[in-house]
């Protein structure tokens, strides 16, 4: 069992763990197992207080989930946690 990443707000969540990436947005769950993922990207939202994570599966479509960090400090904490977790599961990107 490897490292895990979790970001949650009142409506959405992002979980990254050994099984892959899971988004929950307003009660709708979408799971992306690692073998089906081409790439995972993340960035801060325009206001600097939301985490935007995008998964691109092998078919090339883009799925995105946005989680409200509420403040820049929490967003920086999430970035610090997210980078090594993605590096562990996706060392080549």
C-alpha atoms as a PDB file:
ATOM      1  CA  UNK A   1       0.000   0.000   0.000  1.00  0.00           C
ATOM      2  CA  UNK A   2       1.458   3.330  -1.086  1.00  0.00           C
ATOM      3  CA  UNK A   3       0.898   6.970  -0.224  1.00  0.00           C
ATOM      4  CA  UNK A   4      -2.480   8.653  -0.480  1.00  0.00           C
ATOM      5  CA  UNK A   5      -3.724  12.142  -1.239  1.00  0.00           C
ATOM      6  CA  UNK A   6      -7.109  13.529  -0.219  1.00  0.00           C
ATOM      7  CA  UNK A   7      -8.606  16.969  -0.856  1.00  0.00           C
ATOM      8  CA  UNK A   8     -12.199  17.628   0.194  1.00  0.00           C
ATOM      9  CA  UNK A   9     -14.607  20.531   0.323  1.00  0.00           C
ATOM     10  CA  UNK A  10     -18.348  20.616   0.996  1.00  0.00           C
ATOM     11  CA  UNK A  11     -19.245  19.485  -2.554  1.00  0.00           C
ATOM     12  CA  UNK A  12     -16.247  17.769  -4.117  1.00  0.00           C
ATOM     13  CA  UNK A  13     -13.343  15.469  -3.348  1.00  0.00           C
ATOM     14  CA  UNK A  14     -10.199  14.157  -4.986  1.00  0.00           C
ATOM     15  CA  UNK A  15      -8.579  10.921  -3.828  1.00  0.00           C
ATOM     16  CA  UNK A  16      -5.323   9.588  -5.266  1.00  0.00           C
ATOM     17  CA  UNK A  17      -4.073   6.246  -4.006  1.00  0.00           C
ATOM     18  CA  UNK A  18      -2.803   2.836  -5.120  1.00  0.00           C
ATOM     19  CA  UNK A  19      -5.976   2.137  -7.104  1.00  0.00           C
ATOM     20  CA  UNK A  20      -5.869   5.368  -9.122  1.00  0.00           C
ATOM     21  CA  UNK A  21      -7.657   8.706  -9.056  1.00  0.00           C
ATOM     22  CA  UNK A  22     -11.222   9.218  -7.844  1.00  0.00           C
ATOM     23  CA  UNK A  23     -13.313  12.344  -8.186  1.00  0.00           C
ATOM     24  CA  UNK A  24     -16.572  13.093  -6.434  1.00  0.00           C
ATOM     25  CA  UNK A  25     -18.407  16.171  -7.653  1.00  0.00           C
ATOM     26  CA  UNK A  26     -21.819  17.019  -6.241  1.00  0.00           C
ATOM     27  CA  UNK A  27     -22.560  13.382  -5.447  1.00  0.00           C
ATOM     28  CA  UNK A  28     -21.292  11.904  -8.732  1.00  0.00           C
ATOM     29  CA  UNK A  29     -18.317   9.545  -8.415  1.00  0.00           C
ATOM     30  CA  UNK A  30     -15.832   8.841 -11.194  1.00  0.00           C
ATOM     31  CA  UNK A  31     -12.933   6.416 -10.736  1.00  0.00           C
ATOM     32  CA  UNK A  32      -9.853   6.224 -12.948  1.00  0.00           C
ATOM     33  CA  UNK A  33      -7.659   3.125 -12.388  1.00  0.00           C
ATOM     34  CA  UNK A  34      -3.945   3.725 -13.054  1.00  0.00           C
ATOM     35  CA  UNK A  35      -3.781   1.412 -16.116  1.00  0.00           C
ATOM     36  CA  UNK A  36      -6.467   3.563 -17.807  1.00  0.00           C
ATOM     37  CA  UNK A  37      -4.793   6.933 -17.113  1.00  0.00           C
ATOM     38  CA  UNK A  38      -2.597   8.636 -19.702  1.00  0.00           C
ATOM     39  CA  UNK A  39      -1.755  11.619 -17.465  1.00  0.00           C
ATOM     40  CA  UNK A  40      -2.759  13.647 -14.412  1.00  0.00           C
ATOM     41  CA  UNK A  41      -2.358  17.423 -14.222  1.00  0.00           C
ATOM     42  CA  UNK A  42      -2.985  19.908 -11.430  1.00  0.00           C
ATOM     43  CA  UNK A  43      -2.867  23.624 -10.843  1.00  0.00           C
ATOM     44  CA  UNK A  44      -4.249  26.386  -8.685  1.00  0.00           C
ATOM     45  CA  UNK A  45      -7.460  28.010  -9.823  1.00  0.00           C
ATOM     46  CA  UNK A  46      -7.510  31.632 -10.991  1.00  0.00           C
ATOM     47  CA  UNK A  47      -8.227  32.951  -7.487  1.00  0.00           C
ATOM     48  CA  UNK A  48      -5.338  30.955  -5.967  1.00  0.00           C
ATOM     49  CA  UNK A  49      -7.662  29.218  -3.503  1.00  0.00           C
ATOM     50  CA  UNK A  50      -8.888  26.157  -5.416  1.00  0.00           C
ATOM     51  CA  UNK A  51      -7.136  22.988  -6.519  1.00  0.00           C
ATOM     52  CA  UNK A  52      -7.891  21.915 -10.068  1.00  0.00           C
ATOM     53  CA  UNK A  53      -6.978  18.324 -10.965  1.00  0.00           C
ATOM     54  CA  UNK A  54      -7.449  16.921 -14.463  1.00  0.00           C
ATOM     55  CA  UNK A  55      -7.233  13.285 -15.496  1.00  0.00           C
ATOM     56  CA  UNK A  56      -6.687  12.347 -19.119  1.00  0.00           C
ATOM     57  CA  UNK A  57      -7.518   8.673 -19.719  1.00  0.00           C
ATOM     58  CA  UNK A  58      -6.175   6.669 -22.645  1.00  0.00           C
ATOM     59  CA  UNK A  59      -9.046   7.819 -24.888  1.00  0.00           C
ATOM     60  CA  UNK A  60      -7.810  11.434 -24.628  1.00  0.00           C
ATOM     61  CA  UNK A  61     -10.871  12.959 -22.981  1.00  0.00           C
ATOM     62  CA  UNK A  62     -10.302  15.360 -20.069  1.00  0.00           C
ATOM     63  CA  UNK A  63     -12.029  15.051 -16.703  1.00  0.00           C
ATOM     64  CA  UNK A  64     -11.541  17.763 -14.128  1.00  0.00           C
ATOM     65  CA  UNK A  65     -12.435  18.172 -10.484  1.00  0.00           C
ATOM     66  CA  UNK A  66     -12.110  21.389  -8.491  1.00  0.00           C
ATOM     67  CA  UNK A  67     -11.833  21.470  -4.697  1.00  0.00           C
ATOM     68  CA  UNK A  68     -12.032  24.684  -2.694  1.00  0.00           C
ATOM     69  CA  UNK A  69      -9.026  25.029  -0.387  1.00  0.00           C
ATOM     70  CA  UNK A  70     -10.571  28.134   1.245  1.00  0.00           C
ATOM     71  CA  UNK A  71      -7.146  29.749   1.567  1.00  0.00           C
ATOM     72  CA  UNK A  72      -3.735  29.789  -0.061  1.00  0.00           C
ATOM     73  CA  UNK A  73      -2.018  28.069   2.885  1.00  0.00           C
ATOM     74  CA  UNK A  74      -4.148  24.951   2.547  1.00  0.00           C
ATOM     75  CA  UNK A  75      -3.660  24.978  -1.227  1.00  0.00           C
ATOM     76  CA  UNK A  76       0.129  25.056  -0.714  1.00  0.00           C
ATOM     77  CA  UNK A  77      -0.169  22.135   1.736  1.00  0.00           C
ATOM     78  CA  UNK A  78      -2.144  20.172  -0.871  1.00  0.00           C
ATOM     79  CA  UNK A  79       0.463  20.908  -3.548  1.00  0.00           C
ATOM     80  CA  UNK A  80       3.218  19.723  -1.192  1.00  0.00           C
ATOM     81  CA  UNK A  81       1.327  16.463  -0.581  1.00  0.00           C
ATOM     82  CA  UNK A  82       0.141  15.930  -4.143  1.00  0.00           C
ATOM     83  CA  UNK A  83       3.471  16.135  -5.973  1.00  0.00           C
ATOM     84  CA  UNK A  84       5.159  13.210  -4.185  1.00  0.00           C
ATOM     85  CA  UNK A  85       2.035  11.029  -4.353  1.00  0.00           C
ATOM     86  CA  UNK A  86       1.727  11.518  -8.102  1.00  0.00           C
ATOM     87  CA  UNK A  87       5.479  11.010  -8.442  1.00  0.00           C
ATOM     88  CA  UNK A  88       5.174   7.699  -6.623  1.00  0.00           C
ATOM     89  CA  UNK A  89       2.430   6.318  -8.876  1.00  0.00           C
ATOM     90  CA  UNK A  90       3.319   8.142 -12.106  1.00  0.00           C
ATOM     91  CA  UNK A  91       7.099   8.677 -12.059  1.00  0.00           C
ATOM     92  CA  UNK A  92       7.091   9.497 -15.770  1.00  0.00           C
ATOM     93  CA  UNK A  93       4.155  11.898 -15.637  1.00  0.00           C
END
